[in-house]
Amino acid sequence: MVPLLSLWLPIVVSAVIVFLVSSVIHTVLGYHRNDFGRLPNENAVMAALRPLDLPIGDYVIPYAGSSAAMKSPEYVEKLKAGPVAFMTVLPKGTFNMGTALGLWFAYTLLVGIFAAYIAGRALGPGAPYLDAFRFAGTTAFVGYSLALLQGSIWYRRNWRATLLSMFDGLIYGLLTGGTFGWLWPS
């Protein structure tokens, strides 16, 4: 067993590597450009929603509120008439990329901490590279990828976008595993 604090270096280094590689994936490679589509008549939709001054939050339309209400003829008719949508409303103004990047880095640290915890409980000091790689990499992949499936299963998120993000998670898991294998304490 290796104490969590003894693994601070691979936690931080793997977080930095994942952060940098994710920046390259999203700014240079461009395969996420089509994760979201443009609404037809975007200006008309924005003009229709603007006067409503929707609060920040997550919404579904039509909204039922209960299982019983989902069976009502009124709700079923709304579903048939459409549109049916899941929507997240963000604050007005510019998107704060600094906050998002800071939260993303904190998340990469959190995944690294869980990878360290699981690998540290399973392995002792001086464990072979491949063992540290396997435990930390698998844990990181799970942390970066598997929960993304819920968005496509329940909220009909674009499967292509989900699978591409899971592919990113595989890359991040491999990088995390490699970092832990490289920096595993002897």
Foldseek 3Di string as FASTA:
>chain_A
DADLVVCLVLLLVLLVVLLVVVCCVVPPVPPLVVQDDADVPNVVVCVVCVVVVDDFDKDWPPDQPDPVSCPDPVNVVRVVVDDTAIDGDDDPDDDDVVVVSVVSSVLSSVLSSVLSVQLVVVDDAPDALVSQLVSSLVSQLCSQADVLVCCCVPRVRDPVSNVVSSVSSNVSSNSSSNSCSVPGHD
